[in-house]
Amino acid sequence: MLHLKQDHSEFVVLSVLAEGPSYGYAISKEIAARSEGAFKLSASAMYPLLTKLEKQGLVTTGWEEIKAQGADPDSSGRKRKWYTLSAKGTKRLAQHIENQQRVLKVLSAFAPDTLMGEAGSP
């Protein structure tokens, strides 16, 4: 498993939210699925990061009440917090993407052409 730095974690969370609102558990599952298990954010890393992103205005939040199937209609369900990428978050994501592209460009200058050719071949 690869370890994400805080900057990478922010990038992947914002990327997932760029596709639409989601909640913490679903975000972590999407990150693991997209990376084929190479990147994982535990709850102990995910929720403090989401709180930080909210405080910075990069995401907005809302609550939804979830009830189990067959639950008493008069009983209250549990709350689920949804996260949505804000305009400020969209700008931050664009900055992350630009930075990643610059890093890849610089690193590719150090990869032997034979390796780059093999990696790019079908």
N, C-alpha and C. Protein backbone atom coordinates (compact mmCIF):
# COMPACT_ATOMS: atom_id res chain seq x y z
N MET A 1 0.84 -1.18 0.00
CA MET A 1 0.00 0.00 0.00
C MET A 1 0.89 1.24 0.00
N LEU A 2 0.52 2.22 -0.79
CA LEU A 2 1.24 3.49 -0.82
C LEU A 2 0.71 4.38 0.30
N HIS A 3 1.58 5.20 0.83
CA HIS A 3 1.16 6.12 1.88
C HIS A 3 0.98 7.50 1.29
N LEU A 4 -0.16 8.09 1.58
CA LEU A 4 -0.45 9.43 1.09
C LEU A 4 0.04 10.47 2.06
N LYS A 5 0.64 11.52 1.53
CA LYS A 5 0.98 12.67 2.36
C LYS A 5 -0.30 13.48 2.53
N GLN A 6 -0.33 14.38 3.49
CA GLN A 6 -1.51 15.21 3.72
C GLN A 6 -1.95 15.90 2.43
N ASP A 7 -1.00 16.43 1.67
CA ASP A 7 -1.31 17.13 0.43
C ASP A 7 -1.99 16.19 -0.57
N HIS A 8 -1.52 14.96 -0.65
CA HIS A 8 -2.13 13.98 -1.54
C HIS A 8 -3.53 13.61 -1.07
N SER A 9 -3.69 13.46 0.22
CA SER A 9 -5.00 13.11 0.76
C SER A 9 -6.02 14.17 0.41
N GLU A 10 -5.64 15.43 0.57
CA GLU A 10 -6.54 16.52 0.21
C GLU A 10 -6.90 16.45 -1.27
N PHE A 11 -5.91 16.22 -2.09
CA PHE A 11 -6.12 16.13 -3.54
C PHE A 11 -7.13 15.04 -3.90
N VAL A 12 -6.95 13.84 -3.36
CA VAL A 12 -7.84 12.75 -3.74
C VAL A 12 -9.25 12.95 -3.19
N VAL A 13 -9.38 13.50 -1.99
CA VAL A 13 -10.71 13.76 -1.43
C VAL A 13 -11.43 14.82 -2.27
N LEU A 14 -10.74 15.90 -2.60
CA LEU A 14 -11.36 16.94 -3.42
C LEU A 14 -11.72 16.38 -4.80
N SER A 15 -10.89 15.50 -5.34
CA SER A 15 -11.18 14.89 -6.64
C SER A 15 -12.46 14.07 -6.61
N VAL A 16 -12.63 13.29 -5.56
CA VAL A 16 -13.85 12.49 -5.42
C VAL A 16 -15.07 13.41 -5.31
N LEU A 17 -14.94 14.46 -4.52
CA LEU A 17 -16.06 15.38 -4.33
C LEU A 17 -16.36 16.21 -5.58
N ALA A 18 -15.39 16.32 -6.49
CA ALA A 18 -15.62 17.03 -7.74
C ALA A 18 -16.68 16.31 -8.58
N GLU A 19 -16.90 15.04 -8.32
CA GLU A 19 -17.88 14.25 -9.06
C GLU A 19 -19.27 14.32 -8.45
N GLY A 20 -19.37 14.93 -7.26
CA GLY A 20 -20.67 15.08 -6.62
C GLY A 20 -20.57 14.91 -5.13
N PRO A 21 -21.61 15.35 -4.41
CA PRO A 21 -21.62 15.24 -2.95
C PRO A 21 -21.48 13.79 -2.49
N SER A 22 -20.85 13.63 -1.33
CA SER A 22 -20.67 12.29 -0.78
C SER A 22 -20.48 12.40 0.73
N TYR A 23 -20.40 11.27 1.38
CA TYR A 23 -20.17 11.22 2.83
C TYR A 23 -18.88 10.45 3.09
N GLY A 24 -18.33 10.61 4.28
CA GLY A 24 -17.00 10.11 4.60
C GLY A 24 -16.72 8.67 4.22
N TYR A 25 -17.59 7.75 4.63
CA TYR A 25 -17.35 6.34 4.35
C TYR A 25 -17.33 6.08 2.85
N ALA A 26 -18.26 6.69 2.12
CA ALA A 26 -18.31 6.51 0.66
C ALA A 26 -17.07 7.10 -0.01
N ILE A 27 -16.59 8.22 0.51
CA ILE A 27 -15.38 8.83 -0.04
C ILE A 27 -14.20 7.89 0.13
N SER A 28 -14.04 7.32 1.33
CA SER A 28 -12.91 6.42 1.57
C SER A 28 -13.00 5.17 0.71
N LYS A 29 -14.22 4.65 0.50
CA LYS A 29 -14.40 3.47 -0.36
C LYS A 29 -14.06 3.81 -1.82
N GLU A 30 -14.45 5.00 -2.27
CA GLU A 30 -14.16 5.42 -3.65
C GLU A 30 -12.66 5.58 -3.87
N ILE A 31 -11.97 6.15 -2.88
CA ILE A 31 -10.51 6.31 -2.99
C ILE A 31 -9.84 4.95 -3.10
N ALA A 32 -10.24 4.01 -2.25
CA ALA A 32 -9.65 2.67 -2.29
C ALA A 32 -9.97 1.98 -3.62
N ALA A 33 -11.19 2.14 -4.11
CA ALA A 33 -11.57 1.48 -5.37
C ALA A 33 -10.81 2.07 -6.55
N ARG A 34 -10.75 3.39 -6.64
CA ARG A 34 -10.07 4.02 -7.78
C ARG A 34 -8.58 3.71 -7.81
N SER A 35 -7.99 3.56 -6.62
CA SER A 35 -6.56 3.29 -6.55
C SER A 35 -6.27 1.79 -6.51
N GLU A 36 -7.31 0.98 -6.70
CA GLU A 36 -7.20 -0.48 -6.61
C GLU A 36 -6.56 -0.90 -5.30
N GLY A 37 -6.94 -0.19 -4.23
CA GLY A 37 -6.46 -0.53 -2.89
C GLY A 37 -5.11 0.06 -2.53
N ALA A 38 -4.47 0.77 -3.45
CA ALA A 38 -3.14 1.32 -3.17
C ALA A 38 -3.20 2.48 -2.19
N PHE A 39 -4.28 3.26 -2.21
CA PHE A 39 -4.45 4.38 -1.30
C PHE A 39 -5.65 4.09 -0.41
N LYS A 40 -5.46 4.27 0.87
CA LYS A 40 -6.56 4.10 1.81
C LYS A 40 -6.48 5.20 2.85
N LEU A 41 -7.63 5.78 3.15
CA LEU A 41 -7.71 6.76 4.23
C LEU A 41 -8.58 6.16 5.32
N SER A 42 -8.01 5.94 6.47
CA SER A 42 -8.77 5.40 7.60
C SER A 42 -9.71 6.49 8.12
N ALA A 43 -10.67 6.08 8.91
CA ALA A 43 -11.59 7.05 9.52
C ALA A 43 -10.83 8.06 10.37
N SER A 44 -9.75 7.61 11.02
CA SER A 44 -8.97 8.50 11.89
C SER A 44 -8.20 9.55 11.08
N ALA A 45 -8.03 9.33 9.78
CA ALA A 45 -7.40 10.32 8.90
C ALA A 45 -8.46 11.08 8.10
N MET A 46 -9.51 10.38 7.69
CA MET A 46 -10.53 10.97 6.82
C MET A 46 -11.31 12.09 7.51
N TYR A 47 -11.84 11.83 8.69
CA TYR A 47 -12.74 12.81 9.31
C TYR A 47 -12.03 14.08 9.78
N PRO A 48 -10.83 14.00 10.34
CA PRO A 48 -10.12 15.26 10.62
C PRO A 48 -9.82 16.05 9.35
N LEU A 49 -9.50 15.36 8.26
CA LEU A 49 -9.24 16.04 7.00
C LEU A 49 -10.51 16.73 6.50
N LEU A 50 -11.64 16.03 6.54
CA LEU A 50 -12.90 16.64 6.10
C LEU A 50 -13.26 17.86 6.96
N THR A 51 -13.00 17.76 8.26
CA THR A 51 -13.25 18.90 9.16
C THR A 51 -12.36 20.08 8.77
N LYS A 52 -11.10 19.80 8.48
CA LYS A 52 -10.16 20.85 8.06
C LYS A 52 -10.62 21.49 6.75
N LEU A 53 -11.03 20.66 5.79
CA LEU A 53 -11.50 21.18 4.51
C LEU A 53 -12.74 22.05 4.68
N GLU A 54 -13.61 21.64 5.60
CA GLU A 54 -14.81 22.43 5.88
C GLU A 54 -14.44 23.78 6.50
N LYS A 55 -13.54 23.77 7.48
CA LYS A 55 -13.11 25.01 8.14
C LYS A 55 -12.44 25.97 7.16
N GLN A 56 -11.74 25.41 6.16
CA GLN A 56 -11.06 26.23 5.16
C GLN A 56 -12.01 26.71 4.06
N GLY A 57 -13.25 26.25 4.09
CA GLY A 57 -14.23 26.65 3.08
C GLY A 57 -14.09 25.92 1.77
N LEU A 58 -13.35 24.80 1.76
CA LEU A 58 -13.15 24.04 0.53
C LEU A 58 -14.32 23.08 0.25
N VAL A 59 -15.04 22.75 1.31
CA VAL A 59 -16.24 21.93 1.18
C VAL A 59 -17.34 22.55 2.02
N THR A 60 -18.57 22.28 1.62
CA THR A 60 -19.73 22.65 2.43
C THR A 60 -20.37 21.35 2.90
N THR A 61 -21.19 21.44 3.93
CA THR A 61 -21.77 20.23 4.49
C THR A 61 -23.28 20.37 4.69
N GLY A 62 -23.91 19.25 4.77
CA GLY A 62 -25.33 19.17 5.08
C GLY A 62 -25.61 17.83 5.72
N TRP A 63 -26.72 17.73 6.40
CA TRP A 63 -27.07 16.51 7.12
C TRP A 63 -28.28 15.84 6.51
N GLU A 64 -28.30 14.51 6.58
CA GLU A 64 -29.43 13.72 6.12
C GLU A 64 -29.75 12.72 7.21
N GLU A 65 -31.03 12.50 7.44
CA GLU A 65 -31.44 11.50 8.42
C GLU A 65 -31.63 10.17 7.69
N ILE A 66 -31.00 9.13 8.21
CA ILE A 66 -31.06 7.80 7.62
C ILE A 66 -31.83 6.89 8.57
N LYS A 67 -32.84 6.22 8.03
CA LYS A 67 -33.60 5.25 8.83
C LYS A 67 -33.45 3.87 8.23
N ALA A 68 -33.39 2.88 9.10
CA ALA A 68 -33.29 1.50 8.64
C ALA A 68 -34.62 1.10 7.99
N GLN A 69 -34.55 0.19 7.03
CA GLN A 69 -35.77 -0.30 6.39
C GLN A 69 -36.65 -0.93 7.45
N GLY A 70 -37.93 -0.62 7.39
CA GLY A 70 -38.88 -1.19 8.34
C GLY A 70 -38.89 -0.50 9.69
N ALA A 71 -38.11 0.58 9.84
CA ALA A 71 -38.08 1.30 11.12
C ALA A 71 -39.40 2.02 11.33
N ASP A 72 -39.70 2.24 12.58
CA ASP A 72 -40.91 2.98 12.96
C ASP A 72 -40.84 4.37 12.32
N PRO A 73 -41.85 4.76 11.53
CA PRO A 73 -41.81 6.06 10.86
C PRO A 73 -41.73 7.24 11.83
N ASP A 74 -42.17 7.04 13.06
CA ASP A 74 -42.12 8.13 14.04
C ASP A 74 -40.78 8.21 14.78
N SER A 75 -39.95 7.17 14.64
CA SER A 75 -38.66 7.18 15.33
C SER A 75 -37.65 7.98 14.50
N SER A 76 -36.67 8.50 15.19
CA SER A 76 -35.63 9.25 14.48
C SER A 76 -34.54 8.30 14.02
N GLY A 77 -33.95 8.63 12.91
CA GLY A 77 -32.86 7.81 12.38
C GLY A 77 -31.52 8.41 12.77
N ARG A 78 -30.47 7.83 12.24
CA ARG A 78 -29.14 8.38 12.50
C ARG A 78 -28.84 9.45 11.48
N LYS A 79 -27.92 10.32 11.79
CA LYS A 79 -27.57 11.43 10.90
C LYS A 79 -26.36 11.06 10.07
N ARG A 80 -26.37 11.47 8.81
CA ARG A 80 -25.23 11.27 7.92
C ARG A 80 -24.83 12.66 7.39
N LYS A 81 -23.54 12.97 7.51
CA LYS A 81 -23.04 14.26 7.06
C LYS A 81 -22.54 14.13 5.63
N TRP A 82 -23.07 14.99 4.76
CA TRP A 82 -22.69 15.01 3.35
C TRP A 82 -21.74 16.17 3.09
N TYR A 83 -20.78 15.95 2.22
CA TYR A 83 -19.78 16.95 1.87
C TYR A 83 -19.92 17.29 0.39
N THR A 84 -19.85 18.59 0.08
CA THR A 84 -19.95 19.07 -1.29
C THR A 84 -18.78 20.00 -1.57
N LEU A 85 -18.17 19.85 -2.71
CA LEU A 85 -17.05 20.71 -3.10
C LEU A 85 -17.56 22.13 -3.32
N SER A 86 -16.90 23.11 -2.72
CA SER A 86 -17.27 24.51 -2.88
C SER A 86 -16.50 25.11 -4.06
N ALA A 87 -16.82 26.35 -4.43
CA ALA A 87 -16.08 27.04 -5.49
C ALA A 87 -14.61 27.17 -5.10
N LYS A 88 -14.36 27.48 -3.84
CA LYS A 88 -12.98 27.59 -3.35
C LYS A 88 -12.28 26.23 -3.43
N GLY A 89 -13.01 25.16 -3.14
CA GLY A 89 -12.46 23.81 -3.24
C GLY A 89 -12.13 23.44 -4.67
N THR A 90 -12.96 23.89 -5.61
CA THR A 90 -12.71 23.64 -7.02
C THR A 90 -11.41 24.32 -7.46
N LYS A 91 -11.19 25.54 -6.99
CA LYS A 91 -9.94 26.25 -7.31
C LYS A 91 -8.74 25.52 -6.71
N ARG A 92 -8.87 25.06 -5.46
CA ARG A 92 -7.77 24.33 -4.82
C ARG A 92 -7.47 23.06 -5.58
N LEU A 93 -8.50 22.35 -6.01
CA LEU A 93 -8.30 21.12 -6.78
C LEU A 93 -7.55 21.42 -8.07
N ALA A 94 -7.91 22.49 -8.76
CA ALA A 94 -7.21 22.88 -9.99
C ALA A 94 -5.73 23.14 -9.70
N GLN A 95 -5.44 23.77 -8.56
CA GLN A 95 -4.04 24.01 -8.18
C GLN A 95 -3.31 22.70 -7.94
N HIS A 96 -3.97 21.75 -7.28
CA HIS A 96 -3.36 20.43 -7.05
C HIS A 96 -3.06 19.75 -8.38
N ILE A 97 -4.00 19.82 -9.31
CA ILE A 97 -3.81 19.16 -10.61
C ILE A 97 -2.63 19.78 -11.35
N GLU A 98 -2.56 21.11 -11.36
CA GLU A 98 -1.43 21.79 -12.01
C GLU A 98 -0.12 21.39 -11.37
N ASN A 99 -0.09 21.32 -10.06
CA ASN A 99 1.13 20.94 -9.35
C ASN A 99 1.53 19.50 -9.68
N GLN A 100 0.56 18.59 -9.71
CA GLN A 100 0.86 17.20 -10.03
C GLN A 100 1.41 17.08 -11.45
N GLN A 101 0.85 17.85 -12.37
CA GLN A 101 1.34 17.81 -13.75
C GLN A 101 2.78 18.31 -13.84
N ARG A 102 3.10 19.38 -13.08
CA ARG A 102 4.48 19.89 -13.07
C ARG A 102 5.44 18.85 -12.49
N VAL A 103 5.04 18.21 -11.40
CA VAL A 103 5.89 17.20 -10.77
C VAL A 103 6.14 16.05 -11.74
N LEU A 104 5.09 15.56 -12.38
CA LEU A 104 5.25 14.46 -13.33
C LEU A 104 6.16 14.84 -14.49
N LYS A 105 6.04 16.06 -14.96
CA LYS A 105 6.89 16.53 -16.06
C LYS A 105 8.36 16.52 -15.64
N VAL A 106 8.63 17.03 -14.46
CA VAL A 106 10.02 17.06 -13.97
C VAL A 106 10.53 15.64 -13.76
N LEU A 107 9.75 14.78 -13.12
CA LEU A 107 10.20 13.42 -12.86
C LEU A 107 10.42 12.64 -14.15
N SER A 108 9.60 12.89 -15.17
CA SER A 108 9.76 12.16 -16.42
C SER A 108 11.09 12.48 -17.10
N ALA A 109 11.67 13.62 -16.78
CA ALA A 109 12.97 13.98 -17.34
C ALA A 109 14.08 13.07 -16.80
N PHE A 110 13.81 12.36 -15.71
CA PHE A 110 14.81 11.49 -15.10
C PHE A 110 14.58 10.01 -15.41
N ALA A 111 13.49 9.68 -16.07
CA ALA A 111 13.21 8.29 -16.40
C ALA A 111 13.85 7.97 -17.74
N PRO A 112 14.63 6.89 -17.81
CA PRO A 112 15.24 6.51 -19.09
C PRO A 112 14.14 6.29 -20.14
N ASP A 113 14.45 6.70 -21.36
CA ASP A 113 13.48 6.57 -22.46
C ASP A 113 13.01 5.14 -22.63
N THR A 114 13.91 4.17 -22.42
CA THR A 114 13.51 2.78 -22.59
C THR A 114 12.44 2.38 -21.57
N LEU A 115 12.56 2.89 -20.35
CA LEU A 115 11.53 2.58 -19.35
C LEU A 115 10.23 3.28 -19.68
N MET A 116 10.32 4.51 -20.13
CA MET A 116 9.10 5.25 -20.47
C MET A 116 8.40 4.59 -21.64
N GLY A 117 9.16 4.08 -22.60
CA GLY A 117 8.58 3.40 -23.74
C GLY A 117 7.86 2.12 -23.33
N GLU A 118 8.48 1.38 -22.39
CA GLU A 118 7.86 0.13 -21.91
C GLU A 118 6.59 0.43 -21.15
N ALA A 119 6.61 1.49 -20.31
CA ALA A 119 5.46 1.80 -19.51
C ALA A 119 4.30 2.27 -20.38
N GLY A 120 4.60 2.92 -21.48
CA GLY A 120 3.55 3.44 -22.34
C GLY A 120 3.06 2.45 -23.38
N SER A 121 3.74 1.29 -23.51
CA SER A 121 3.33 0.33 -24.53
C SER A 121 2.19 -0.52 -24.02
N PRO A 122 1.32 -0.99 -24.92
CA PRO A 122 0.16 -1.80 -24.51
C PRO A 122 0.55 -3.16 -24.01
